[in-house]
Amino acid sequence: MNTKRYHWQPELAISIIYWSLTLMVLFYSLTLSLENTRPYWKSNLVLAAFALLIVIGCRRTMFFGEDRLLVRYARFWKWDAYYLEDMKEITLNPNGLSFVYEGVAHTFIFRKKTLIALKEALYERFPEDAIKIVDQIEIR
């Protein structure tokens, strides 16, 4: 079954720190490569570490299953399944989605286009009055 995957980021501060450190690894690799006139194995190794950090950072996705929302985290072994009937207080913020599941608040940040697509998918699964919208998100 081909399902739509939505890429998300954690809290804004954590995202900024993660991607800044990832870019620091890239610039360190470029600095190492500029110090030599030939391909240098150390700079290639650091560049491979940068590629690995990019893959790990882009791995955060969520998608809808039959009766649940499946969330994949950056860690390869970490998955969460949130059953749709147990989700409470679903809120669409200007930059993300928040909901309460078993008494714990969960927040996910999305790009604008991804958030619009997720909003449409949420309206297919929940009645419109179950979703609280903090700031109006325009659908074009």
Protein backbone atom coordinates (compact mmCIF):
# COMPACT_ATOMS: atom_id res chain seq x y z
CA MET A 1 0.00 0.00 0.00
CA ASN A 2 1.42 3.34 -1.07
CA THR A 3 0.86 5.84 1.73
CA LYS A 4 1.73 9.50 1.86
CA ARG A 5 4.67 10.21 4.16
CA TYR A 6 4.99 13.53 5.95
CA HIS A 7 8.48 14.70 6.94
CA TRP A 8 8.64 16.44 10.32
CA GLN A 9 11.20 18.04 12.61
CA PRO A 10 11.36 18.11 16.42
CA GLU A 11 11.18 21.28 18.45
CA LEU A 12 12.66 24.30 16.67
CA ALA A 13 15.67 24.70 18.99
CA ILE A 14 16.66 21.05 18.63
CA SER A 15 16.30 21.23 14.85
CA ILE A 16 18.50 24.32 14.63
CA ILE A 17 21.19 22.72 16.79
CA TYR A 18 21.11 19.42 14.84
CA TRP A 19 21.31 20.98 11.39
CA SER A 20 23.97 23.49 12.51
CA LEU A 21 26.18 20.67 13.77
CA THR A 22 25.56 18.76 10.55
CA LEU A 23 26.69 21.73 8.47
CA MET A 24 29.74 22.13 10.72
CA VAL A 25 30.76 18.59 9.77
CA LEU A 26 30.39 19.49 6.08
CA PHE A 27 32.52 22.62 6.42
CA TYR A 28 35.17 20.70 8.37
CA SER A 29 35.28 18.14 5.56
CA LEU A 30 35.62 20.89 2.96
CA THR A 31 38.38 22.51 4.99
CA LEU A 32 40.26 19.22 5.14
CA SER A 33 39.89 18.70 1.40
CA LEU A 34 41.20 22.18 0.59
CA GLU A 35 44.40 21.54 2.52
CA ASN A 36 45.45 18.85 0.02
CA THR A 37 45.75 18.86 -3.74
CA ARG A 38 44.69 15.20 -4.10
CA PRO A 39 41.70 13.34 -2.67
CA TYR A 40 42.36 12.93 1.00
CA TRP A 41 40.95 9.93 2.86
CA LYS A 42 40.30 11.88 6.08
CA SER A 43 38.19 14.52 4.34
CA ASN A 44 36.26 11.79 2.49
CA LEU A 45 35.62 10.02 5.79
CA VAL A 46 34.28 13.23 7.37
CA LEU A 47 32.17 13.82 4.23
CA ALA A 48 30.71 10.31 4.66
CA ALA A 49 29.85 11.23 8.27
CA PHE A 50 28.07 14.33 6.93
CA ALA A 51 26.08 12.19 4.47
CA LEU A 52 25.11 9.85 7.30
CA LEU A 53 23.90 12.81 9.40
CA ILE A 54 21.80 14.04 6.45
CA VAL A 55 20.19 10.61 6.05
CA ILE A 56 19.47 10.40 9.77
CA GLY A 57 18.03 13.93 9.85
CA CYS A 58 15.72 13.31 6.89
CA ARG A 59 14.50 10.00 8.30
CA ARG A 60 11.83 11.56 10.53
CA THR A 61 8.52 10.76 8.88
CA MET A 62 4.94 10.07 9.83
CA PHE A 63 2.13 8.41 7.94
CA PHE A 64 -1.36 7.13 8.54
CA GLY A 65 -2.01 3.42 8.91
CA GLU A 66 -5.41 1.76 9.04
CA ASP A 67 -6.35 3.02 12.50
CA ARG A 68 -3.25 4.78 13.76
CA LEU A 69 -0.63 7.42 13.07
CA LEU A 70 2.83 5.90 12.70
CA VAL A 71 5.81 8.12 13.55
CA ARG A 72 9.39 7.25 12.64
CA TYR A 73 12.18 9.04 14.48
CA ALA A 74 15.81 9.72 13.54
CA ARG A 75 16.99 6.75 15.57
CA PHE A 76 16.65 3.62 13.44
CA TRP A 77 15.02 1.56 16.19
CA LYS A 78 12.49 4.18 17.33
CA TRP A 79 8.89 3.99 16.05
CA ASP A 80 5.69 5.15 17.73
CA ALA A 81 2.11 4.28 16.89
CA TYR A 82 -0.65 6.61 18.02
CA TYR A 83 -4.14 5.15 17.70
CA LEU A 84 -6.46 7.70 16.15
CA GLU A 85 -9.37 7.04 18.49
CA ASP A 86 -7.17 7.73 21.55
CA MET A 87 -5.81 11.08 20.30
CA LYS A 88 -7.17 14.07 22.22
CA GLU A 89 -6.91 17.82 21.71
CA ILE A 90 -5.59 17.80 18.15
CA THR A 91 -4.28 21.28 17.36
CA LEU A 92 -2.94 22.66 14.09
CA ASN A 93 -0.43 25.41 14.81
CA PRO A 94 0.96 27.75 12.13
CA ASN A 95 4.07 25.58 11.93
CA GLY A 96 3.02 22.14 13.10
CA LEU A 97 0.71 19.65 14.72
CA SER A 98 0.13 19.03 18.42
CA PHE A 99 -1.98 16.43 20.14
CA VAL A 100 -2.39 14.75 23.50
CA TYR A 101 -2.04 10.97 23.59
CA GLU A 102 -2.42 9.09 26.87
CA GLY A 103 -1.89 12.30 28.85
CA VAL A 104 1.36 13.26 27.08
CA ALA A 105 1.54 16.21 24.66
CA HIS A 106 3.32 15.58 21.35
CA THR A 107 4.42 18.32 18.95
CA PHE A 108 5.71 17.96 15.40
CA ILE A 109 6.93 20.78 13.13
CA PHE A 110 6.36 20.70 9.36
CA ARG A 111 7.07 22.80 6.31
CA LYS A 112 4.11 24.82 5.07
CA LYS A 113 3.27 22.60 2.07
CA THR A 114 3.59 19.44 4.14
CA LEU A 115 1.36 20.91 6.84
CA ILE A 116 -1.34 21.74 4.30
CA ALA A 117 -1.29 18.17 2.96
CA LEU A 118 -1.38 16.79 6.51
CA LYS A 119 -4.32 19.05 7.34
CA GLU A 120 -6.30 17.59 4.44
CA ALA A 121 -5.46 14.06 5.57
CA LEU A 122 -6.54 14.86 9.14
CA TYR A 123 -9.89 16.19 7.94
CA GLU A 124 -10.46 12.88 6.14
CA ARG A 125 -9.97 10.94 9.39
CA PHE A 126 -11.44 13.32 11.99
CA PRO A 127 -14.54 15.48 12.06
CA GLU A 128 -13.79 19.14 11.51
CA ASP A 129 -14.89 20.14 15.01
CA ALA A 130 -12.37 17.71 16.60
CA ILE A 131 -9.40 19.66 15.20
CA LYS A 132 -8.56 22.98 16.80
CA ILE A 133 -6.81 25.51 14.55
CA VAL A 134 -4.69 28.08 16.38
CA ASP A 135 -3.93 30.28 13.35
CA GLN A 136 -5.74 29.81 10.10
CA ILE A 137 -3.69 27.82 7.58
CA GLU A 138 -4.61 28.69 4.02
CA ILE A 139 -5.12 25.97 1.45
CA ARG A 140 -4.31 27.14 -2.05
